[in-house]
């Protein structure tokens, strides 16, 4: 597992429950929901999470979005979630109901 895949899995585990993950290549993670839906994610240089199919940013990392400021930092949190992934598996906030 690469650092990029670790970062993607950290994001996914904080947002989705009950999903399986498959590592693809060196920079992608496929997430498979309880209903069988599949999405593949990767990261850009700023640590943002992207949907590989749509190339849409689904979560923005806490890293500075300036190459001169990033250095060798790695993201530790992300903001935002694409609404189309909500039905995939219940998020932690939904489990409290």
C-alpha atoms as a PDB file:
ATOM      1  CA  UNK A   1       0.000   0.000   0.000  1.00  0.00           C
ATOM      2  CA  UNK A   2       1.398   3.385  -0.991  1.00  0.00           C
ATOM      3  CA  UNK A   3       1.137   6.648   0.967  1.00  0.00           C
ATOM      4  CA  UNK A   4      -1.454   7.903  -1.524  1.00  0.00           C
ATOM      5  CA  UNK A   5      -3.566   4.784  -1.003  1.00  0.00           C
ATOM      6  CA  UNK A   6      -3.236   5.152   2.774  1.00  0.00           C
ATOM      7  CA  UNK A   7      -4.483   8.746   2.521  1.00  0.00           C
ATOM      8  CA  UNK A   8      -7.424   7.740   0.300  1.00  0.00           C
ATOM      9  CA  UNK A   9      -8.366   4.903   2.682  1.00  0.00           C
ATOM     10  CA  UNK A  10      -8.170   7.299   5.649  1.00  0.00           C
ATOM     11  CA  UNK A  11     -10.640   9.598   3.924  1.00  0.00           C
ATOM     12  CA  UNK A  12     -12.942   6.749   2.892  1.00  0.00           C
ATOM     13  CA  UNK A  13     -12.980   5.196   6.362  1.00  0.00           C
ATOM     14  CA  UNK A  14     -13.963   8.548   7.865  1.00  0.00           C
ATOM     15  CA  UNK A  15     -16.873   8.976   5.443  1.00  0.00           C
ATOM     16  CA  UNK A  16     -18.208   5.512   4.591  1.00  0.00           C
ATOM     17  CA  UNK A  17     -19.120   2.508   6.738  1.00  0.00           C
ATOM     18  CA  UNK A  18     -19.650  -1.023   5.471  1.00  0.00           C
ATOM     19  CA  UNK A  19     -17.647  -0.664   2.263  1.00  0.00           C
ATOM     20  CA  UNK A  20     -14.869  -2.825   0.858  1.00  0.00           C
ATOM     21  CA  UNK A  21     -11.691  -1.416  -0.653  1.00  0.00           C
ATOM     22  CA  UNK A  22      -9.484  -2.728  -3.448  1.00  0.00           C
ATOM     23  CA  UNK A  23      -6.061  -1.250  -4.148  1.00  0.00           C
ATOM     24  CA  UNK A  24      -5.461  -0.519  -7.830  1.00  0.00           C
ATOM     25  CA  UNK A  25      -1.980   0.247  -9.110  1.00  0.00           C
ATOM     26  CA  UNK A  26       0.029   2.682  -6.982  1.00  0.00           C
ATOM     27  CA  UNK A  27      -2.384   5.598  -6.690  1.00  0.00           C
ATOM     28  CA  UNK A  28      -5.977   4.371  -6.758  1.00  0.00           C
ATOM     29  CA  UNK A  29      -8.476   2.762  -4.428  1.00  0.00           C
ATOM     30  CA  UNK A  30     -11.757   1.216  -5.544  1.00  0.00           C
ATOM     31  CA  UNK A  31     -14.520   1.388  -2.950  1.00  0.00           C
ATOM     32  CA  UNK A  32     -17.391  -1.070  -3.206  1.00  0.00           C
ATOM     33  CA  UNK A  33     -20.592  -0.197  -1.383  1.00  0.00           C
ATOM     34  CA  UNK A  34     -22.997  -2.555   0.348  1.00  0.00           C
ATOM     35  CA  UNK A  35     -25.256  -2.494  -2.709  1.00  0.00           C
ATOM     36  CA  UNK A  36     -22.416  -3.331  -5.096  1.00  0.00           C
ATOM     37  CA  UNK A  37     -21.874   0.200  -6.396  1.00  0.00           C
ATOM     38  CA  UNK A  38     -18.240   0.922  -7.237  1.00  0.00           C
ATOM     39  CA  UNK A  39     -16.188   4.105  -7.371  1.00  0.00           C
ATOM     40  CA  UNK A  40     -12.470   4.548  -7.899  1.00  0.00           C
ATOM     41  CA  UNK A  41     -10.618   7.369  -6.177  1.00  0.00           C
ATOM     42  CA  UNK A  42      -7.166   8.918  -6.474  1.00  0.00           C
ATOM     43  CA  UNK A  43      -5.393  12.029  -5.125  1.00  0.00           C
ATOM     44  CA  UNK A  44      -3.969  15.108  -6.763  1.00  0.00           C
ATOM     45  CA  UNK A  45      -0.684  16.732  -5.698  1.00  0.00           C
ATOM     46  CA  UNK A  46      -2.511  18.714  -2.985  1.00  0.00           C
ATOM     47  CA  UNK A  47      -3.970  15.576  -1.369  1.00  0.00           C
ATOM     48  CA  UNK A  48      -7.503  16.267  -2.613  1.00  0.00           C
ATOM     49  CA  UNK A  49      -9.588  13.138  -3.275  1.00  0.00           C
ATOM     50  CA  UNK A  50     -10.794  12.759  -6.873  1.00  0.00           C
ATOM     51  CA  UNK A  51     -13.304  10.449  -8.536  1.00  0.00           C
ATOM     52  CA  UNK A  52     -11.275   8.797 -11.312  1.00  0.00           C
ATOM     53  CA  UNK A  53     -14.235   8.376 -13.680  1.00  0.00           C
ATOM     54  CA  UNK A  54     -15.564  11.946 -13.505  1.00  0.00           C
ATOM     55  CA  UNK A  55     -12.249  13.621 -12.525  1.00  0.00           C
ATOM     56  CA  UNK A  56     -14.304  15.559  -9.969  1.00  0.00           C
ATOM     57  CA  UNK A  57     -12.766  16.639  -6.650  1.00  0.00           C
ATOM     58  CA  UNK A  58     -14.935  15.017  -3.992  1.00  0.00           C
ATOM     59  CA  UNK A  59     -13.000  16.184  -0.923  1.00  0.00           C
ATOM     60  CA  UNK A  60     -10.473  18.971  -0.362  1.00  0.00           C
ATOM     61  CA  UNK A  61      -7.492  18.254   1.868  1.00  0.00           C
ATOM     62  CA  UNK A  62      -6.213  20.411   4.698  1.00  0.00           C
ATOM     63  CA  UNK A  63      -2.899  20.978   2.878  1.00  0.00           C
ATOM     64  CA  UNK A  64      -2.030  24.413   1.527  1.00  0.00           C
ATOM     65  CA  UNK A  65      -2.892  24.577  -2.171  1.00  0.00           C
ATOM     66  CA  UNK A  66       0.400  26.243  -2.997  1.00  0.00           C
ATOM     67  CA  UNK A  67       3.332  24.133  -4.193  1.00  0.00           C
ATOM     68  CA  UNK A  68       5.818  26.386  -2.392  1.00  0.00           C
ATOM     69  CA  UNK A  69       4.123  25.693   0.965  1.00  0.00           C
ATOM     70  CA  UNK A  70       3.344  21.953   0.797  1.00  0.00           C
ATOM     71  CA  UNK A  71       6.844  20.503   1.108  1.00  0.00           C
ATOM     72  CA  UNK A  72       6.539  16.839   2.058  1.00  0.00           C
ATOM     73  CA  UNK A  73       3.399  17.221   4.190  1.00  0.00           C
ATOM     74  CA  UNK A  74       0.557  14.732   3.949  1.00  0.00           C
ATOM     75  CA  UNK A  75      -3.126  15.512   4.479  1.00  0.00           C
ATOM     76  CA  UNK A  76      -4.801  14.601   7.749  1.00  0.00           C
ATOM     77  CA  UNK A  77      -8.374  15.709   7.068  1.00  0.00           C
ATOM     78  CA  UNK A  78     -10.692  16.553   4.196  1.00  0.00           C
ATOM     79  CA  UNK A  79     -13.718  18.822   3.727  1.00  0.00           C
ATOM     80  CA  UNK A  80     -16.713  18.259   1.537  1.00  0.00           C
ATOM     81  CA  UNK A  81     -18.268  15.154   0.148  1.00  0.00           C
ATOM     82  CA  UNK A  82     -19.879  14.614  -3.194  1.00  0.00           C
ATOM     83  CA  UNK A  83     -23.617  14.147  -2.635  1.00  0.00           C
ATOM     84  CA  UNK A  84     -23.794  11.356  -5.234  1.00  0.00           C
ATOM     85  CA  UNK A  85     -21.850   9.035  -2.912  1.00  0.00           C
ATOM     86  CA  UNK A  86     -24.233   9.483   0.048  1.00  0.00           C
ATOM     87  CA  UNK A  87     -26.354   6.437  -0.756  1.00  0.00           C
ATOM     88  CA  UNK A  88     -23.335   4.158  -0.997  1.00  0.00           C
ATOM     89  CA  UNK A  89     -23.080   3.373   2.697  1.00  0.00           C
ATOM     90  CA  UNK A  90     -24.277   5.209   5.779  1.00  0.00           C
ATOM     91  CA  UNK A  91     -21.829   7.788   7.065  1.00  0.00           C
ATOM     92  CA  UNK A  92     -20.918   8.048  10.719  1.00  0.00           C
ATOM     93  CA  UNK A  93     -23.192  11.033  11.209  1.00  0.00           C
ATOM     94  CA  UNK A  94     -26.145   9.060   9.851  1.00  0.00           C
ATOM     95  CA  UNK A  95     -25.537   6.096  12.193  1.00  0.00           C
ATOM     96  CA  UNK A  96     -26.381   8.216  15.234  1.00  0.00           C
ATOM     97  CA  UNK A  97     -30.109   8.283  14.326  1.00  0.00           C
END
